[in-house]
Each structure stands twice: as C-alpha cells, then as structure tokens.
Amino acid sequence: MFTGIIETLAKVRKIEKEGTNIHFTFASSITSELKIDQSVAHNGVCLTVVGIKGDEYIVTAIQETLDRTNLGNLAEGDEVNLERCTQVGARLDGHIVQGHVDQTAIVTKVEENDGSWNYHFEYEPSENITVEKGSITINGVSLTVVDSGVNTFSVSIIPYTYEHTNFKSFKVGTEVNLEFDIVGKYVSKLLSLRK
C-alpha cells in the first residue's frame, strides 16, 4: 500500500527487453535504502526490486503492466515519481493508493496561475469515474479533483509538488497513469451488480 506522497524522482538509466517483459534500470537518491523484493511505486505502478548495484536498481514490468500504464513510453533519461510502500504506524498523508494503475489519461491543457498550475486530463470511457473534491492518483501523486466531467477532470498543483515530481515535464499530449479512488471503484462495482 502507498499514500501518493512522492519521496523522490528516479532517472531511467537502461531499458532492456526480454520477451514481452521490460527490465528498467533506475538511479535514485534512495537506492542505497532499497532491498531486493521490495515494492516501490514508479509513476504509481507497484514494481518489485529485482537487482541492486551501486546507485542503480532494476525492476521488471510484464506485458499486462505495459499495456495498462505509461511505462512502455519511457526512454533513457526520463524521470519517474518514486514512493516506497507505507510503513505500519506511519501517517497516511495522501490517501489509500494500491499501486495498481487502472488506465492512462492524456493532458489536454496546462494553465499557470501565478503560483500554482491547473492540469486538465481526458481518459478513455470506462467504468472509472472522478468526483469533485474526491481523490485521484496521477503518476503516483495523491491529488484532489477540482473539476469533474465525463471522462475528464482537472487538478491543481502547488509549487512544491510541481518542483518535486515529474509534473513539471507535463505538456499537452503527455500520457499519465491513473489510479482511481478504491472506495469509488467498489461503490461503482456494487452499483453495476444491482442492474
């Protein structure tokens, strides 16, 4: 389980394909604190550390993960948001995040507002929904929905989030990972079963 509070960024150092899998080598400031078998969220995708050497570590993404997320678009030099799993007894500062990406969205507009930024997104029609002032996870970042429409929503970003995540690299057309609020997903599923 995660909270959507990003610890740091990691840089892609190497991408190796093996069958339908991709092995990603990342470098980060917390590599020395990682261990093999540990779960780490990369742009909101929970991946297992399978190798560590110096300041680099390796994770593997399978085809299901690549089909559902933006990880297949990564190139050497790109940065991803990192979060290690929540420790028992720690504060839950964001919201409950599983690290299981539901689908991707595209940035449709970026607005600078003299000290903050508004980002607008559109996603393919699905059973997933957002609600105004509800929670959404974008590339692993726990955020509050500002405006919610049919397959569209917006969020506002404070300067700290802008500087300490990969939001600063988003532009119109950027593909991002979405994890919808788990409570909302259960409610939606229960309502669909009543039909």
C-alpha atoms as a PDB file:
ATOM      1  CA  MET A   1       0.000   0.000   0.000  1.00  0.00           C
ATOM      2  CA  PHE A   2       1.111   3.562  -0.763  1.00  0.00           C
ATOM      3  CA  THR A   3      -0.103   7.065   0.093  1.00  0.00           C
ATOM      4  CA  GLY A   4       0.600   9.024  -3.088  1.00  0.00           C
ATOM      5  CA  ILE A   5       3.196  11.215  -1.355  1.00  0.00           C
ATOM      6  CA  ILE A   6       6.231  11.138  -3.646  1.00  0.00           C
ATOM      7  CA  GLU A   7       9.617  10.672  -1.950  1.00  0.00           C
ATOM      8  CA  THR A   8      11.933  11.453  -4.835  1.00  0.00           C
ATOM      9  CA  LEU A   9      12.483  11.075  -8.571  1.00  0.00           C
ATOM     10  CA  ALA A  10      14.370   8.265 -10.304  1.00  0.00           C
ATOM     11  CA  LYS A  11      16.089   8.521 -13.673  1.00  0.00           C
ATOM     12  CA  VAL A  12      15.895   5.769 -16.278  1.00  0.00           C
ATOM     13  CA  ARG A  13      19.435   4.537 -16.945  1.00  0.00           C
ATOM     14  CA  LYS A  14      18.744   1.460 -19.081  1.00  0.00           C
ATOM     15  CA  ILE A  15      15.817  -0.332 -20.760  1.00  0.00           C
ATOM     16  CA  GLU A  16      16.195  -3.997 -21.731  1.00  0.00           C
ATOM     17  CA  LYS A  17      13.522  -6.098 -23.434  1.00  0.00           C
ATOM     18  CA  GLU A  18      13.272  -9.817 -22.703  1.00  0.00           C
ATOM     19  CA  GLY A  19      10.371 -11.479 -24.469  1.00  0.00           C
ATOM     20  CA  THR A  20       7.332  -9.368 -23.607  1.00  0.00           C
ATOM     21  CA  ASN A  21       8.920  -8.095 -20.374  1.00  0.00           C
ATOM     22  CA  ILE A  22      10.957  -4.926 -19.928  1.00  0.00           C
ATOM     23  CA  HIS A  23      13.719  -4.620 -17.330  1.00  0.00           C
ATOM     24  CA  PHE A  24      14.165  -0.998 -16.244  1.00  0.00           C
ATOM     25  CA  THR A  25      17.358   0.174 -14.553  1.00  0.00           C
ATOM     26  CA  PHE A  26      16.827   3.310 -12.467  1.00  0.00           C
ATOM     27  CA  ALA A  27      19.136   5.565 -10.462  1.00  0.00           C
ATOM     28  CA  SER A  28      17.801   7.395  -7.425  1.00  0.00           C
ATOM     29  CA  SER A  29      18.875   9.076  -4.206  1.00  0.00           C
ATOM     30  CA  ILE A  30      17.226   6.275  -2.180  1.00  0.00           C
ATOM     31  CA  THR A  31      18.767   3.280  -3.985  1.00  0.00           C
ATOM     32  CA  SER A  32      21.062   2.552  -1.018  1.00  0.00           C
ATOM     33  CA  GLU A  33      17.969   2.182   1.191  1.00  0.00           C
ATOM     34  CA  LEU A  34      16.230  -0.326  -1.109  1.00  0.00           C
ATOM     35  CA  LYS A  35      16.388  -4.093  -0.879  1.00  0.00           C
ATOM     36  CA  ILE A  36      15.627  -6.902  -3.281  1.00  0.00           C
ATOM     37  CA  ASP A  37      11.955  -7.994  -3.159  1.00  0.00           C
ATOM     38  CA  GLN A  38      10.847  -4.534  -2.009  1.00  0.00           C
ATOM     39  CA  SER A  39       7.785  -2.923  -3.588  1.00  0.00           C
ATOM     40  CA  VAL A  40       8.332   0.562  -4.990  1.00  0.00           C
ATOM     41  CA  ALA A  41       5.791   2.675  -6.901  1.00  0.00           C
ATOM     42  CA  HIS A  42       7.135   4.105 -10.187  1.00  0.00           C
ATOM     43  CA  ASN A  43       4.742   6.719 -11.602  1.00  0.00           C
ATOM     44  CA  GLY A  44       2.176   4.968  -9.397  1.00  0.00           C
ATOM     45  CA  VAL A  45       2.972   1.449 -10.642  1.00  0.00           C
ATOM     46  CA  CYS A  46       3.953  -1.016  -7.921  1.00  0.00           C
ATOM     47  CA  LEU A  47       7.064  -2.890  -9.123  1.00  0.00           C
ATOM     48  CA  THR A  48       9.407  -5.274  -7.295  1.00  0.00           C
ATOM     49  CA  VAL A  49      13.111  -4.515  -6.956  1.00  0.00           C
ATOM     50  CA  VAL A  50      14.951  -7.492  -8.525  1.00  0.00           C
ATOM     51  CA  GLY A  51      18.545  -6.217  -8.539  1.00  0.00           C
ATOM     52  CA  ILE A  52      20.719  -3.514  -6.949  1.00  0.00           C
ATOM     53  CA  LYS A  53      24.197  -2.323  -7.927  1.00  0.00           C
ATOM     54  CA  GLY A  54      25.691   0.926  -6.666  1.00  0.00           C
ATOM     55  CA  ASP A  55      23.206   3.765  -7.119  1.00  0.00           C
ATOM     56  CA  GLU A  56      21.166   1.731  -9.631  1.00  0.00           C
ATOM     57  CA  TYR A  57      18.403  -0.817  -9.176  1.00  0.00           C
ATOM     58  CA  ILE A  58      16.345  -2.966 -11.550  1.00  0.00           C
ATOM     59  CA  VAL A  59      12.606  -3.654 -11.769  1.00  0.00           C
ATOM     60  CA  THR A  60      10.682  -5.706 -14.326  1.00  0.00           C
ATOM     61  CA  ALA A  61       7.367  -4.819 -15.979  1.00  0.00           C
ATOM     62  CA  ILE A  62       5.290  -7.564 -17.593  1.00  0.00           C
ATOM     63  CA  GLN A  63       3.027  -7.116 -20.626  1.00  0.00           C
ATOM     64  CA  GLU A  64      -0.137  -6.518 -18.530  1.00  0.00           C
ATOM     65  CA  THR A  65       1.636  -3.654 -16.769  1.00  0.00           C
ATOM     66  CA  LEU A  66       2.967  -2.209 -20.023  1.00  0.00           C
ATOM     67  CA  ASP A  67      -0.491  -2.397 -21.655  1.00  0.00           C
ATOM     68  CA  ARG A  68      -2.207  -0.572 -18.793  1.00  0.00           C
ATOM     69  CA  THR A  69       0.378   2.118 -17.935  1.00  0.00           C
ATOM     70  CA  ASN A  70       2.710   4.678 -19.490  1.00  0.00           C
ATOM     71  CA  LEU A  71       5.870   2.731 -18.556  1.00  0.00           C
ATOM     72  CA  GLY A  72       6.270   1.413 -22.103  1.00  0.00           C
ATOM     73  CA  ASN A  73       6.774   5.017 -23.274  1.00  0.00           C
ATOM     74  CA  LEU A  74       9.796   5.608 -21.032  1.00  0.00           C
ATOM     75  CA  ALA A  75      13.167   6.395 -22.606  1.00  0.00           C
ATOM     76  CA  GLU A  76      16.635   6.586 -21.104  1.00  0.00           C
ATOM     77  CA  GLY A  77      16.982   9.861 -19.201  1.00  0.00           C
ATOM     78  CA  ASP A  78      13.270  10.148 -18.339  1.00  0.00           C
ATOM     79  CA  GLU A  79      12.296  10.717 -14.712  1.00  0.00           C
ATOM     80  CA  VAL A  80       9.619   8.852 -12.761  1.00  0.00           C
ATOM     81  CA  ASN A  81       7.994   9.598  -9.410  1.00  0.00           C
ATOM     82  CA  LEU A  82       9.064   7.200  -6.626  1.00  0.00           C
ATOM     83  CA  GLU A  83       7.361   6.117  -3.429  1.00  0.00           C
ATOM     84  CA  ARG A  84       8.208   3.200  -1.171  1.00  0.00           C
ATOM     85  CA  CYS A  85       5.368   1.288   0.477  1.00  0.00           C
ATOM     86  CA  THR A  86       3.768   2.659   3.625  1.00  0.00           C
ATOM     87  CA  GLN A  87       5.186   1.559   6.961  1.00  0.00           C
ATOM     88  CA  VAL A  88       2.789   0.280   9.601  1.00  0.00           C
ATOM     89  CA  GLY A  89       2.184   3.033  12.135  1.00  0.00           C
ATOM     90  CA  ALA A  90       3.138   5.840   9.738  1.00  0.00           C
ATOM     91  CA  ARG A  91       0.805   8.723   8.950  1.00  0.00           C
ATOM     92  CA  LEU A  92      -1.372   8.331   5.867  1.00  0.00           C
ATOM     93  CA  ASP A  93      -0.736  11.806   4.451  1.00  0.00           C
ATOM     94  CA  GLY A  94      -2.250  11.301   0.983  1.00  0.00           C
ATOM     95  CA  HIS A  95      -4.942   8.674   0.504  1.00  0.00           C
ATOM     96  CA  ILE A  96      -5.018   4.882   0.142  1.00  0.00           C
ATOM     97  CA  VAL A  97      -3.108   4.054  -3.051  1.00  0.00           C
ATOM     98  CA  GLN A  98      -2.595   0.460  -4.135  1.00  0.00           C
ATOM     99  CA  GLY A  99      -0.023   0.970  -6.868  1.00  0.00           C
ATOM    100  CA  HIS A 100      -2.399  -0.724  -9.326  1.00  0.00           C
ATOM    101  CA  VAL A 101      -2.903   1.627 -12.266  1.00  0.00           C
ATOM    102  CA  ASP A 102      -6.413   1.477 -13.763  1.00  0.00           C
ATOM    103  CA  GLN A 103      -5.728   3.242 -17.055  1.00  0.00           C
ATOM    104  CA  THR A 104      -3.929   6.161 -18.625  1.00  0.00           C
ATOM    105  CA  ALA A 105      -5.058   9.687 -19.472  1.00  0.00           C
ATOM    106  CA  ILE A 106      -3.786  12.455 -21.728  1.00  0.00           C
ATOM    107  CA  VAL A 107      -3.011  16.004 -20.613  1.00  0.00           C
ATOM    108  CA  THR A 108      -5.361  18.302 -22.540  1.00  0.00           C
ATOM    109  CA  LYS A 109      -4.444  21.669 -21.013  1.00  0.00           C
ATOM    110  CA  VAL A 110      -1.881  23.172 -18.620  1.00  0.00           C
ATOM    111  CA  GLU A 111      -2.654  26.567 -17.037  1.00  0.00           C
ATOM    112  CA  GLU A 112      -0.202  28.582 -14.943  1.00  0.00           C
ATOM    113  CA  ASN A 113      -1.962  30.621 -12.253  1.00  0.00           C
ATOM    114  CA  ASP A 114       0.657  32.930 -10.711  1.00  0.00           C
ATOM    115  CA  GLY A 115       1.988  30.409  -8.202  1.00  0.00           C
ATOM    116  CA  SER A 116       0.031  27.259  -8.988  1.00  0.00           C
ATOM    117  CA  TRP A 117      -0.825  25.146 -12.017  1.00  0.00           C
ATOM    118  CA  ASN A 118      -4.074  23.615 -13.259  1.00  0.00           C
ATOM    119  CA  TYR A 119      -3.798  20.401 -15.279  1.00  0.00           C
ATOM    120  CA  HIS A 120      -6.701  19.054 -17.316  1.00  0.00           C
ATOM    121  CA  PHE A 121      -6.940  15.388 -18.323  1.00  0.00           C
ATOM    122  CA  GLU A 122      -9.066  13.169 -20.551  1.00  0.00           C
ATOM    123  CA  TYR A 123      -9.278   9.383 -20.376  1.00  0.00           C
ATOM    124  CA  GLU A 124     -10.912   6.658 -22.460  1.00  0.00           C
ATOM    125  CA  PRO A 125     -14.512   5.840 -21.461  1.00  0.00           C
ATOM    126  CA  SER A 126     -14.606   3.184 -18.741  1.00  0.00           C
ATOM    127  CA  GLU A 127     -16.409   2.330 -15.517  1.00  0.00           C
ATOM    128  CA  ASN A 128     -13.921   4.607 -13.694  1.00  0.00           C
ATOM    129  CA  ILE A 129     -15.160   7.982 -12.511  1.00  0.00           C
ATOM    130  CA  THR A 130     -13.949  11.045 -10.659  1.00  0.00           C
ATOM    131  CA  VAL A 131     -15.923  13.336  -8.382  1.00  0.00           C
ATOM    132  CA  GLU A 132     -15.215  16.938  -7.455  1.00  0.00           C
ATOM    133  CA  LYS A 133     -13.081  17.105  -4.307  1.00  0.00           C
ATOM    134  CA  GLY A 134     -12.518  13.339  -4.498  1.00  0.00           C
ATOM    135  CA  SER A 135      -9.115  11.652  -4.640  1.00  0.00           C
ATOM    136  CA  ILE A 136      -7.191  10.666  -7.766  1.00  0.00           C
ATOM    137  CA  THR A 137      -3.662   9.361  -8.209  1.00  0.00           C
ATOM    138  CA  ILE A 138      -1.736  10.710 -11.224  1.00  0.00           C
ATOM    139  CA  ASN A 139       1.691   9.154 -11.889  1.00  0.00           C
ATOM    140  CA  GLY A 140       1.636   8.071  -8.250  1.00  0.00           C
ATOM    141  CA  VAL A 141       0.794  11.525  -6.838  1.00  0.00           C
ATOM    142  CA  SER A 142      -2.211  11.752  -4.497  1.00  0.00           C
ATOM    143  CA  LEU A 143      -4.316  14.716  -5.597  1.00  0.00           C
ATOM    144  CA  THR A 144      -7.756  16.259  -5.148  1.00  0.00           C
ATOM    145  CA  VAL A 145     -10.038  16.546  -8.175  1.00  0.00           C
ATOM    146  CA  VAL A 146     -11.014  20.183  -8.853  1.00  0.00           C
ATOM    147  CA  ASP A 147     -13.479  19.790 -11.738  1.00  0.00           C
ATOM    148  CA  SER A 148     -15.009  16.508 -12.871  1.00  0.00           C
ATOM    149  CA  GLY A 149     -16.739  15.772 -16.159  1.00  0.00           C
ATOM    150  CA  VAL A 150     -17.499  12.712 -18.273  1.00  0.00           C
ATOM    151  CA  ASN A 151     -14.074  11.089 -18.803  1.00  0.00           C
ATOM    152  CA  THR A 152     -12.403  14.407 -17.929  1.00  0.00           C
ATOM    153  CA  PHE A 153     -11.149  16.094 -14.782  1.00  0.00           C
ATOM    154  CA  SER A 154      -8.685  18.696 -13.566  1.00  0.00           C
ATOM    155  CA  VAL A 155      -6.346  19.088 -10.602  1.00  0.00           C
ATOM    156  CA  SER A 156      -4.368  21.987  -9.159  1.00  0.00           C
ATOM    157  CA  ILE A 157      -0.687  21.694  -8.250  1.00  0.00           C
ATOM    158  CA  ILE A 158       1.211  23.704  -5.647  1.00  0.00           C
ATOM    159  CA  PRO A 159       4.820  24.767  -6.314  1.00  0.00           C
ATOM    160  CA  TYR A 160       6.283  22.048  -4.049  1.00  0.00           C
ATOM    161  CA  THR A 161       4.531  19.273  -5.995  1.00  0.00           C
ATOM    162  CA  TYR A 162       5.498  20.897  -9.291  1.00  0.00           C
ATOM    163  CA  GLU A 163       9.193  21.022  -8.340  1.00  0.00           C
ATOM    164  CA  HIS A 164       9.454  17.606  -6.626  1.00  0.00           C
ATOM    165  CA  THR A 165       7.561  15.411  -9.115  1.00  0.00           C
ATOM    166  CA  ASN A 166       7.564  14.892 -12.866  1.00  0.00           C
ATOM    167  CA  PHE A 167       4.526  17.186 -13.228  1.00  0.00           C
ATOM    168  CA  LYS A 168       6.984  19.890 -14.325  1.00  0.00           C
ATOM    169  CA  SER A 169       7.582  17.914 -17.534  1.00  0.00           C
ATOM    170  CA  PHE A 170       3.882  17.515 -18.433  1.00  0.00           C
ATOM    171  CA  LYS A 171       2.611  19.237 -21.549  1.00  0.00           C
ATOM    172  CA  VAL A 172      -0.446  18.823 -23.777  1.00  0.00           C
ATOM    173  CA  GLY A 173      -0.398  15.243 -25.070  1.00  0.00           C
ATOM    174  CA  THR A 174       1.629  13.748 -22.184  1.00  0.00           C
ATOM    175  CA  GLU A 175       0.294  10.316 -21.184  1.00  0.00           C
ATOM    176  CA  VAL A 176      -0.070   9.746 -17.427  1.00  0.00           C
ATOM    177  CA  ASN A 177      -1.057   6.831 -15.185  1.00  0.00           C
ATOM    178  CA  LEU A 178      -4.335   7.000 -13.272  1.00  0.00           C
ATOM    179  CA  GLU A 179      -5.371   5.088 -10.186  1.00  0.00           C
ATOM    180  CA  PHE A 180      -8.928   5.922  -9.220  1.00  0.00           C
ATOM    181  CA  ASP A 181     -10.063   6.021  -5.590  1.00  0.00           C
ATOM    182  CA  ILE A 182     -10.534   2.464  -4.270  1.00  0.00           C
ATOM    183  CA  VAL A 183     -13.732   3.342  -2.380  1.00  0.00           C
ATOM    184  CA  GLY A 184     -15.245   4.815  -5.550  1.00  0.00           C
ATOM    185  CA  LYS A 185     -14.280   1.686  -7.510  1.00  0.00           C
ATOM    186  CA  TYR A 186     -16.040  -0.583  -5.006  1.00  0.00           C
ATOM    187  CA  VAL A 187     -19.172   1.591  -4.995  1.00  0.00           C
ATOM    188  CA  SER A 188     -19.231   1.604  -8.816  1.00  0.00           C
ATOM    189  CA  LYS A 189     -18.838  -2.174  -8.944  1.00  0.00           C
ATOM    190  CA  LEU A 190     -21.606  -2.756  -6.370  1.00  0.00           C
ATOM    191  CA  LEU A 191     -23.989  -0.491  -8.268  1.00  0.00           C
ATOM    192  CA  SER A 192     -23.255  -2.270 -11.563  1.00  0.00           C
ATOM    193  CA  LEU A 193     -24.058  -5.630  -9.948  1.00  0.00           C
ATOM    194  CA  ARG A 194     -27.527  -4.358  -8.942  1.00  0.00           C
ATOM    195  CA  LYS A 195     -28.561  -3.724 -12.551  1.00  0.00           C
END
